[in-house]
Amino acid sequence: MSKITILTEDVINKIAAGEVIERPASIVKELVENSLDAGATRILVEILNSGQDMIRVTDNGEGMSKEDAQLSLIRHATSKIQNDQDLFAITTLGFRGEALASIAAVSQLSIVTKTEDALEGFNLVAEGGTIISSGIVAAERGTSIEVRNLFFNTPARKKFLKSDAVELRHIIDVVTHYALLHKEVSFKLLHENHQLLYAPAVEDMQSNIASIYGSSIAKEMLKVEYKDYLATIAGYVAKPHRARNDKTQQVIFVNGRLVHNVDLNKAVYDAF
């Protein structure tokens, strides 16, 4: 009979990372959400080999201090909540303090960040969750996080990834969905230095839809609004002749969070 043993911190971190980071798109999602929480108005996502070789997300948000950058790689270290009462008034996309720690645990990661009042930027390099170098660098306000060689230390995880085309599609969907919701933020996605998406900051949702899906589709969208004491619902639906037989093009956000719910998707589809 096998004896019960206490797992090492390294193994614990790799297991925990698997709960947060399933594929390259998971990293893009977490980093984009961090950028939005930092108040960014410009977000650039760059990827190589469908995100398996490199993912870089650069923003013009508030940046991090040297101390915060170092703490960001420690699991459950977060600036989003301070006590249990804050859990009932969360206004940010991230709050668990797991994203960067999980990403760092299964990749080679570097951070370049600078706050508005800092004279210089700060650079940190980590491998497998361990910081291997850090120092002062020239940088503009904001943060750039680069992730290389995803799952380099957990090769079995790579076997669960789909084809390059499928993994790339997941990344495109993540960036597209957040660009749709945040019309006030400029998004750009580059793959192998080729632009796949550019959504400039605009004032109205219809213009945002046009920049992402094209003006011909935007013109065919109908605005929907509903409000009562329980909830406010707002969005756009396509005219009937644009309807699809599947629900893959439904994008639903609840309280600013992207949700995938079969019952909700079916309700919208049936009503339409």
Protein backbone atom coordinates (compact mmCIF):
# COMPACT_ATOMS: atom_id res chain seq x y z
CA MET A 1 0.00 0.00 0.00
CA SER A 2 1.37 3.42 -1.01
CA LYS A 3 2.25 5.82 1.78
CA ILE A 4 0.81 9.31 1.93
CA THR A 5 3.45 11.96 1.34
CA ILE A 6 3.36 15.74 1.30
CA LEU A 7 3.87 17.16 -2.19
CA THR A 8 6.73 19.55 -2.82
CA GLU A 9 5.99 23.21 -3.52
CA ASP A 10 7.14 22.71 -7.13
CA VAL A 11 4.67 19.89 -7.75
CA ILE A 12 1.86 21.81 -6.02
CA ASN A 13 2.48 24.81 -8.26
CA LYS A 14 2.44 22.70 -11.43
CA ILE A 15 -0.81 21.03 -10.42
CA ALA A 16 -2.38 24.38 -9.56
CA ALA A 17 -1.19 25.83 -12.86
CA GLY A 18 -3.06 23.08 -14.69
CA GLU A 19 -6.30 24.31 -13.16
CA VAL A 20 -5.79 27.82 -14.54
CA ILE A 21 -3.69 27.31 -17.70
CA GLU A 22 -5.20 24.78 -20.08
CA ARG A 23 -3.86 26.14 -23.36
CA PRO A 24 -2.19 29.25 -24.85
CA ALA A 25 -5.55 31.02 -25.01
CA SER A 26 -5.82 30.69 -21.22
CA ILE A 27 -2.67 32.77 -20.87
CA VAL A 28 -3.94 35.41 -23.29
CA LYS A 29 -7.19 35.63 -21.33
CA GLU A 30 -5.45 36.07 -17.97
CA LEU A 31 -2.97 38.66 -19.26
CA VAL A 32 -5.60 40.67 -21.13
CA GLU A 33 -7.76 40.72 -18.00
CA ASN A 34 -4.78 41.97 -15.98
CA SER A 35 -4.28 44.75 -18.54
CA LEU A 36 -7.94 45.76 -18.33
CA ASP A 37 -7.80 45.75 -14.53
CA ALA A 38 -4.75 48.04 -14.77
CA GLY A 39 -6.81 50.62 -16.65
CA ALA A 40 -5.13 50.12 -20.03
CA THR A 41 -6.52 51.90 -23.08
CA ARG A 42 -4.18 50.11 -25.51
CA ILE A 43 -3.53 46.37 -25.49
CA LEU A 44 -1.20 44.62 -27.94
CA VAL A 45 -1.16 40.81 -28.11
CA GLU A 46 1.70 39.17 -30.03
CA ILE A 47 2.05 35.41 -30.51
CA LEU A 48 4.37 32.95 -32.25
CA ASN A 49 3.45 29.41 -33.29
CA SER A 50 -0.14 29.79 -32.13
CA GLY A 51 1.11 30.86 -28.71
CA GLN A 52 3.15 27.74 -27.98
CA ASP A 53 6.50 29.44 -28.60
CA MET A 54 5.71 32.96 -27.42
CA ILE A 55 2.89 35.12 -26.10
CA ARG A 56 3.48 38.79 -25.32
CA VAL A 57 0.84 41.18 -23.99
CA THR A 58 1.79 44.84 -23.75
CA ASP A 59 -0.40 47.57 -22.29
CA ASN A 60 -0.30 51.22 -21.23
CA GLY A 61 -1.94 50.58 -17.87
CA GLU A 62 -0.80 51.78 -14.47
CA GLY A 63 2.15 49.39 -14.28
CA MET A 64 3.66 47.75 -11.21
CA SER A 65 6.30 48.78 -8.73
CA LYS A 66 9.41 46.65 -8.31
CA GLU A 67 7.98 45.15 -5.13
CA ASP A 68 4.61 44.34 -6.69
CA ALA A 69 6.24 42.78 -9.76
CA GLN A 70 8.18 40.40 -7.56
CA LEU A 71 5.12 39.57 -5.46
CA SER A 72 3.01 38.94 -8.57
CA LEU A 73 4.66 35.56 -9.10
CA ILE A 74 3.73 34.35 -5.62
CA ARG A 75 0.51 32.36 -5.52
CA HIS A 76 -2.44 34.17 -3.89
CA ALA A 77 -0.61 37.50 -3.87
CA THR A 78 -3.06 40.07 -5.24
CA SER A 79 -3.80 43.78 -5.20
CA LYS A 80 -7.49 43.19 -5.97
CA ILE A 81 -8.74 42.13 -2.53
CA GLN A 82 -7.49 42.64 1.02
CA ASN A 83 -9.94 40.64 3.15
CA ASP A 84 -12.92 38.28 2.96
CA GLN A 85 -15.40 41.16 2.84
CA ASP A 86 -13.89 42.29 -0.46
CA LEU A 87 -15.12 39.04 -2.01
CA PHE A 88 -18.64 40.48 -1.92
CA ALA A 89 -17.68 43.65 -3.79
CA ILE A 90 -15.31 42.52 -6.53
CA THR A 91 -15.02 45.03 -9.36
CA THR A 92 -12.01 43.55 -11.16
CA LEU A 93 -11.70 40.60 -13.55
CA GLY A 94 -8.89 39.04 -11.56
CA PHE A 95 -8.77 38.70 -7.80
CA ARG A 96 -7.43 35.26 -6.82
CA GLY A 97 -3.75 36.06 -7.22
CA GLU A 98 -3.19 32.89 -9.24
CA ALA A 99 -2.80 33.95 -12.87
CA LEU A 100 0.83 35.08 -13.09
CA ALA A 101 2.02 32.47 -10.60
CA SER A 102 0.34 29.73 -12.63
CA ILE A 103 1.71 31.03 -15.93
CA ALA A 104 5.23 31.36 -14.52
CA ALA A 105 5.13 27.81 -13.12
CA VAL A 106 4.88 26.23 -16.59
CA SER A 107 6.83 28.66 -18.78
CA GLN A 108 9.77 31.00 -19.16
CA LEU A 109 8.37 34.40 -18.29
CA SER A 110 9.61 37.97 -18.35
CA ILE A 111 7.98 41.15 -17.09
CA VAL A 112 8.86 44.73 -18.00
CA THR A 113 6.80 47.26 -16.10
CA LYS A 114 6.81 50.91 -15.07
CA THR A 115 4.47 53.10 -13.04
CA GLU A 116 3.71 56.72 -13.92
CA ASP A 117 5.85 58.18 -11.14
CA ALA A 118 8.81 55.80 -11.46
CA LEU A 119 11.98 57.17 -13.06
CA GLU A 120 12.89 53.77 -14.52
CA GLY A 121 11.19 50.53 -15.40
CA PHE A 122 11.74 47.14 -13.79
CA ASN A 123 12.50 43.86 -15.55
CA LEU A 124 12.04 40.41 -14.06
CA VAL A 125 12.82 37.03 -15.65
CA ALA A 126 11.54 33.73 -14.26
CA GLU A 127 11.74 30.10 -15.30
CA GLY A 128 9.41 27.46 -13.96
CA GLY A 129 8.18 29.92 -11.35
CA THR A 130 11.66 30.80 -10.03
CA ILE A 131 13.03 34.31 -10.53
CA ILE A 132 16.44 34.02 -12.19
CA SER A 133 17.21 37.68 -12.83
CA SER A 134 15.84 41.17 -12.29
CA GLY A 135 16.94 44.74 -12.73
CA ILE A 136 16.29 48.29 -13.86
CA VAL A 137 15.43 48.95 -17.53
CA ALA A 138 14.25 51.79 -19.71
CA ALA A 139 10.49 51.52 -20.21
CA GLU A 140 7.32 53.47 -20.79
CA ARG A 141 4.41 53.44 -18.37
CA GLY A 142 2.56 50.13 -18.49
CA THR A 143 3.42 46.47 -18.48
CA SER A 144 4.71 43.97 -21.03
CA ILE A 145 4.61 40.29 -20.10
CA GLU A 146 6.27 37.75 -22.37
CA VAL A 147 5.67 34.02 -22.01
CA ARG A 148 7.91 31.58 -23.87
CA ASN A 149 8.05 27.81 -24.23
CA LEU A 150 4.73 27.02 -22.60
CA PHE A 151 4.73 23.66 -20.76
CA PHE A 152 8.50 23.28 -21.26
CA ASN A 153 8.73 21.58 -17.86
CA THR A 154 5.49 19.61 -18.16
CA PRO A 155 5.80 18.07 -21.66
CA ALA A 156 2.86 15.71 -21.09
CA ARG A 157 0.58 18.77 -21.05
CA LYS A 158 1.52 19.58 -24.65
CA LYS A 159 -0.02 16.32 -25.82
CA PHE A 160 -3.44 17.64 -24.86
CA LEU A 161 -3.15 20.70 -27.11
CA LYS A 162 -5.06 20.66 -30.38
CA SER A 163 -3.72 21.58 -33.81
CA ASP A 164 -2.00 24.92 -34.33
CA ALA A 165 -5.05 26.18 -36.22
CA VAL A 166 -7.41 25.27 -33.37
CA GLU A 167 -5.20 26.83 -30.70
CA LEU A 168 -4.87 29.99 -32.79
CA ARG A 169 -8.64 30.14 -33.20
CA HIS A 170 -9.09 30.02 -29.43
CA ILE A 171 -6.70 32.97 -29.03
CA ILE A 172 -8.45 34.99 -31.73
CA ASP A 173 -11.78 34.34 -30.01
CA VAL A 174 -10.47 35.51 -26.63
CA VAL A 175 -9.10 38.79 -27.98
CA THR A 176 -12.16 39.36 -30.17
CA HIS A 177 -14.57 38.87 -27.30
CA TYR A 178 -12.79 41.28 -24.97
CA ALA A 179 -12.44 43.80 -27.79
CA LEU A 180 -16.20 43.57 -28.32
CA LEU A 181 -17.02 44.36 -24.71
CA HIS A 182 -14.41 47.06 -24.19
CA LYS A 183 -15.03 49.51 -27.01
CA GLU A 184 -13.07 52.16 -25.07
CA VAL A 185 -9.87 50.11 -25.39
CA SER A 186 -7.76 49.67 -28.53
CA PHE A 187 -6.89 46.01 -29.22
CA LYS A 188 -4.37 44.62 -31.69
CA LEU A 189 -3.49 40.95 -32.27
CA LEU A 190 -0.40 39.89 -34.22
CA HIS A 191 0.53 36.31 -35.16
CA GLU A 192 4.02 35.84 -36.62
CA ASN A 193 4.00 39.65 -37.09
CA HIS A 194 0.85 39.44 -39.24
CA GLN A 195 -2.10 41.48 -38.00
CA LEU A 196 -5.13 39.30 -37.31
CA LEU A 197 -7.25 41.85 -35.47
CA TYR A 198 -7.29 45.59 -34.94
CA ALA A 199 -10.12 47.20 -33.03
CA PRO A 200 -9.46 50.89 -32.29
CA ALA A 201 -11.12 52.58 -29.35
CA VAL A 202 -14.52 53.93 -30.40
CA GLU A 203 -17.47 55.65 -28.73
CA ASP A 204 -20.35 53.37 -29.72
CA MET A 205 -20.86 49.61 -29.93
CA GLN A 206 -22.02 49.61 -33.55
CA SER A 207 -18.72 51.14 -34.66
CA ASN A 208 -16.91 48.56 -32.56
CA ILE A 209 -18.79 45.71 -34.24
CA ALA A 210 -17.95 47.23 -37.63
CA SER A 211 -14.22 47.38 -36.89
CA ILE A 212 -14.19 43.74 -35.74
CA TYR A 213 -16.66 42.01 -38.06
CA GLY A 214 -16.99 44.51 -40.89
CA SER A 215 -19.47 47.25 -41.71
CA SER A 216 -21.75 44.96 -43.73
CA ILE A 217 -22.43 42.80 -40.67
CA ALA A 218 -22.69 45.79 -38.32
CA LYS A 219 -25.47 47.24 -40.49
CA GLU A 220 -27.44 44.01 -40.09
CA MET A 221 -27.37 44.10 -36.28
CA LEU A 222 -30.33 45.15 -34.16
CA LYS A 223 -29.89 46.80 -30.77
CA VAL A 224 -31.67 45.20 -27.82
CA GLU A 225 -32.18 46.73 -24.38
CA TYR A 226 -34.11 45.69 -21.29
CA LYS A 227 -34.02 46.92 -17.71
CA ASP A 228 -35.84 46.14 -14.49
CA TYR A 229 -35.04 46.08 -10.78
CA LEU A 230 -33.16 42.79 -11.12
CA ALA A 231 -30.97 43.28 -14.17
CA THR A 232 -30.03 45.37 -17.16
CA ILE A 233 -29.61 43.64 -20.52
CA ALA A 234 -28.06 45.31 -23.54
CA GLY A 235 -26.55 44.05 -26.76
CA TYR A 236 -26.93 43.42 -30.46
CA VAL A 237 -28.48 40.54 -32.40
CA ALA A 238 -28.32 39.81 -36.10
CA LYS A 239 -31.35 40.09 -38.33
CA PRO A 240 -33.09 36.73 -38.98
CA HIS A 241 -31.53 36.15 -42.40
CA ARG A 242 -28.10 36.27 -40.73
CA ALA A 243 -29.05 33.51 -38.28
CA ARG A 244 -26.78 30.46 -37.94
CA ASN A 245 -27.72 26.91 -37.08
CA ASP A 246 -25.18 26.78 -34.26
CA LYS A 247 -24.53 28.97 -31.26
CA THR A 248 -20.77 29.48 -31.67
CA GLN A 249 -21.18 33.14 -32.57
CA GLN A 250 -23.06 34.02 -29.39
CA VAL A 251 -20.94 36.20 -27.12
CA ILE A 252 -22.45 36.77 -23.69
CA PHE A 253 -21.01 38.76 -20.80
CA VAL A 254 -22.44 38.84 -17.29
CA ASN A 255 -21.15 41.62 -15.04
CA GLY A 256 -18.26 42.14 -17.43
CA ARG A 257 -17.23 38.48 -17.47
CA LEU A 258 -17.40 36.23 -20.52
CA VAL A 259 -19.69 33.28 -19.78
CA HIS A 260 -20.40 30.03 -21.60
CA ASN A 261 -23.70 28.60 -20.46
CA VAL A 262 -25.61 26.05 -22.53
CA ASP A 263 -29.00 26.94 -21.04
CA LEU A 264 -28.45 30.67 -21.60
CA ASN A 265 -27.24 30.08 -25.16
CA LYS A 266 -30.30 27.94 -25.90
CA ALA A 267 -32.68 30.50 -24.41
CA VAL A 268 -31.26 33.27 -26.61
CA TYR A 269 -31.30 31.02 -29.68
CA ASP A 270 -34.88 29.84 -29.10
CA ALA A 271 -36.13 33.38 -28.48
CA PHE A 272 -34.43 34.61 -31.61
